[in-house]
């Protein structure tokens, strides 16, 4: 058999509308027993983050071999240490660098005050202190 004479297998045949696997089950769906949704469920969530208090940025280079570190401190007392640890983890991932949480302070490696400020503002914090250079 020559190369041009081979029969071709159709990889995406015309399915005619709805997928056949679900065609028969559509008529069997009964939604009469379901409660109607409320408007609160139908509305979109509020895009503004909830206010979470104040955070202060500080740039440090002392005892670090000349390397800059951004320290986030001054969190409200209502924010627990576990929440600060979780926030530090998400902040490191968002900024894309290393860091640590020491007590109620988050240390982020590198001089990245602008990125840290933007992340914290998106999380609902009022950010004071260090501005990027």
Protein backbone atom coordinates (compact mmCIF):
# COMPACT_ATOMS: atom_id res chain seq x y z
CA UNK A 1 0.00 0.00 0.00
CA UNK A 2 1.40 3.36 -0.96
CA UNK A 3 1.85 6.15 1.54
CA UNK A 4 -0.89 8.34 0.03
CA UNK A 5 -3.39 5.49 -0.03
CA UNK A 6 -3.47 4.92 3.76
CA UNK A 7 -6.73 5.71 5.44
CA UNK A 8 -6.63 8.54 7.95
CA UNK A 9 -8.12 8.30 11.40
CA UNK A 10 -10.10 11.36 12.39
CA UNK A 11 -8.72 12.61 15.73
CA UNK A 12 -11.50 15.11 16.46
CA UNK A 13 -14.70 13.94 14.80
CA UNK A 14 -17.70 16.24 14.74
CA UNK A 15 -19.61 15.53 17.95
CA UNK A 16 -22.68 17.54 17.09
CA UNK A 17 -23.21 19.87 20.02
CA UNK A 18 -23.02 18.38 23.47
CA UNK A 19 -20.63 15.61 24.42
CA UNK A 20 -22.38 12.25 24.08
CA UNK A 21 -21.33 11.14 27.55
CA UNK A 22 -23.69 13.73 29.06
CA UNK A 23 -26.39 13.93 26.41
CA UNK A 24 -28.72 11.40 28.04
CA UNK A 25 -28.25 12.64 31.59
CA UNK A 26 -29.34 16.24 30.88
CA UNK A 27 -32.98 15.28 30.68
CA UNK A 28 -32.65 13.35 33.97
CA UNK A 29 -31.37 16.35 36.02
CA UNK A 30 -33.98 17.55 38.50
CA UNK A 31 -33.28 20.80 40.34
CA UNK A 32 -36.74 21.30 41.83
CA UNK A 33 -35.61 20.21 45.34
CA UNK A 34 -32.74 22.72 45.58
CA UNK A 35 -32.99 25.97 47.52
CA UNK A 36 -32.59 29.16 45.54
CA UNK A 37 -29.31 30.99 46.17
CA UNK A 38 -29.17 34.26 48.08
CA UNK A 39 -27.96 37.53 46.65
CA UNK A 40 -24.94 37.45 48.96
CA UNK A 41 -23.79 34.24 47.32
CA UNK A 42 -24.37 35.63 43.84
CA UNK A 43 -22.51 38.91 44.38
CA UNK A 44 -18.77 39.11 43.79
CA UNK A 45 -16.47 39.32 46.81
CA UNK A 46 -15.21 42.71 47.95
CA UNK A 47 -11.87 43.30 46.16
CA UNK A 48 -10.53 45.49 49.01
CA UNK A 49 -8.58 43.59 51.66
CA UNK A 50 -9.78 43.86 55.23
CA UNK A 51 -7.79 46.34 57.34
CA UNK A 52 -5.17 44.51 59.38
CA UNK A 53 -3.41 47.34 61.20
CA UNK A 54 -0.02 48.89 60.79
CA UNK A 55 3.36 47.49 59.77
CA UNK A 56 6.69 49.34 59.78
CA UNK A 57 9.59 48.69 57.39
CA UNK A 58 13.22 49.14 58.43
CA UNK A 59 16.41 48.59 56.36
CA UNK A 60 19.33 46.99 58.23
CA UNK A 61 22.89 46.26 57.16
CA UNK A 62 24.65 45.97 60.53
CA UNK A 63 26.36 42.61 61.26
CA UNK A 64 25.31 41.26 57.87
CA UNK A 65 28.49 41.72 55.86
CA UNK A 66 27.14 44.82 54.14
CA UNK A 67 24.07 43.02 52.79
CA UNK A 68 20.74 44.82 53.17
CA UNK A 69 17.78 43.22 54.92
CA UNK A 70 14.25 44.62 55.13
CA UNK A 71 12.73 44.09 58.58
CA UNK A 72 8.96 44.28 58.96
CA UNK A 73 7.95 45.05 62.54
CA UNK A 74 5.41 46.98 64.59
CA UNK A 75 2.48 44.63 64.00
CA UNK A 76 -0.71 45.15 65.99
CA UNK A 77 -1.14 43.02 69.13
CA UNK A 78 -4.26 41.46 67.60
CA UNK A 79 -2.07 39.68 65.04
CA UNK A 80 -0.80 36.43 66.58
CA UNK A 81 2.66 34.96 66.13
CA UNK A 82 1.29 32.10 64.03
CA UNK A 83 -0.32 34.62 61.66
CA UNK A 84 2.97 36.53 61.45
CA UNK A 85 4.83 33.28 60.58
CA UNK A 86 2.28 32.49 57.88
CA UNK A 87 2.45 36.05 56.55
CA UNK A 88 6.26 35.81 56.46
CA UNK A 89 6.07 32.61 54.43
CA UNK A 90 3.71 34.15 51.89
CA UNK A 91 5.82 37.32 51.77
CA UNK A 92 9.00 35.36 51.00
CA UNK A 93 7.22 33.54 48.18
CA UNK A 94 5.72 36.75 46.77
CA UNK A 95 9.03 38.63 46.82
CA UNK A 96 10.99 35.60 45.63
CA UNK A 97 13.78 35.61 48.18
CA UNK A 98 14.80 34.18 51.51
CA UNK A 99 14.09 35.45 54.95
CA UNK A 100 13.03 34.47 58.43
CA UNK A 101 10.59 35.28 61.18
CA UNK A 102 12.19 36.19 64.50
CA UNK A 103 9.67 36.83 67.25
CA UNK A 104 7.21 39.39 65.92
CA UNK A 105 9.53 40.59 63.12
CA UNK A 106 9.86 39.37 59.54
CA UNK A 107 13.30 39.68 57.93
CA UNK A 108 13.46 39.66 54.12
CA UNK A 109 16.84 39.28 52.41
CA UNK A 110 17.84 41.94 49.92
CA UNK A 111 16.96 45.58 49.41
CA UNK A 112 13.39 45.01 48.19
CA UNK A 113 11.38 47.54 50.18
CA UNK A 114 9.07 48.37 47.26
CA UNK A 115 8.01 44.76 46.74
CA UNK A 116 7.52 44.20 50.47
CA UNK A 117 5.48 47.41 50.77
CA UNK A 118 3.25 46.47 47.80
CA UNK A 119 2.61 42.99 49.21
CA UNK A 120 1.72 44.28 52.68
CA UNK A 121 -0.58 46.97 51.28
CA UNK A 122 -2.39 44.31 49.21
CA UNK A 123 -2.81 42.31 52.42
CA UNK A 124 -4.56 45.27 54.06
CA UNK A 125 -1.74 46.74 56.17
CA UNK A 126 -0.97 50.44 56.50
CA UNK A 127 2.75 50.48 55.79
CA UNK A 128 5.10 53.06 57.32
CA UNK A 129 8.85 53.41 57.26
CA UNK A 130 11.42 52.59 54.61
CA UNK A 131 10.80 53.54 51.00
CA UNK A 132 12.61 51.93 48.08
CA UNK A 133 15.62 53.69 46.58
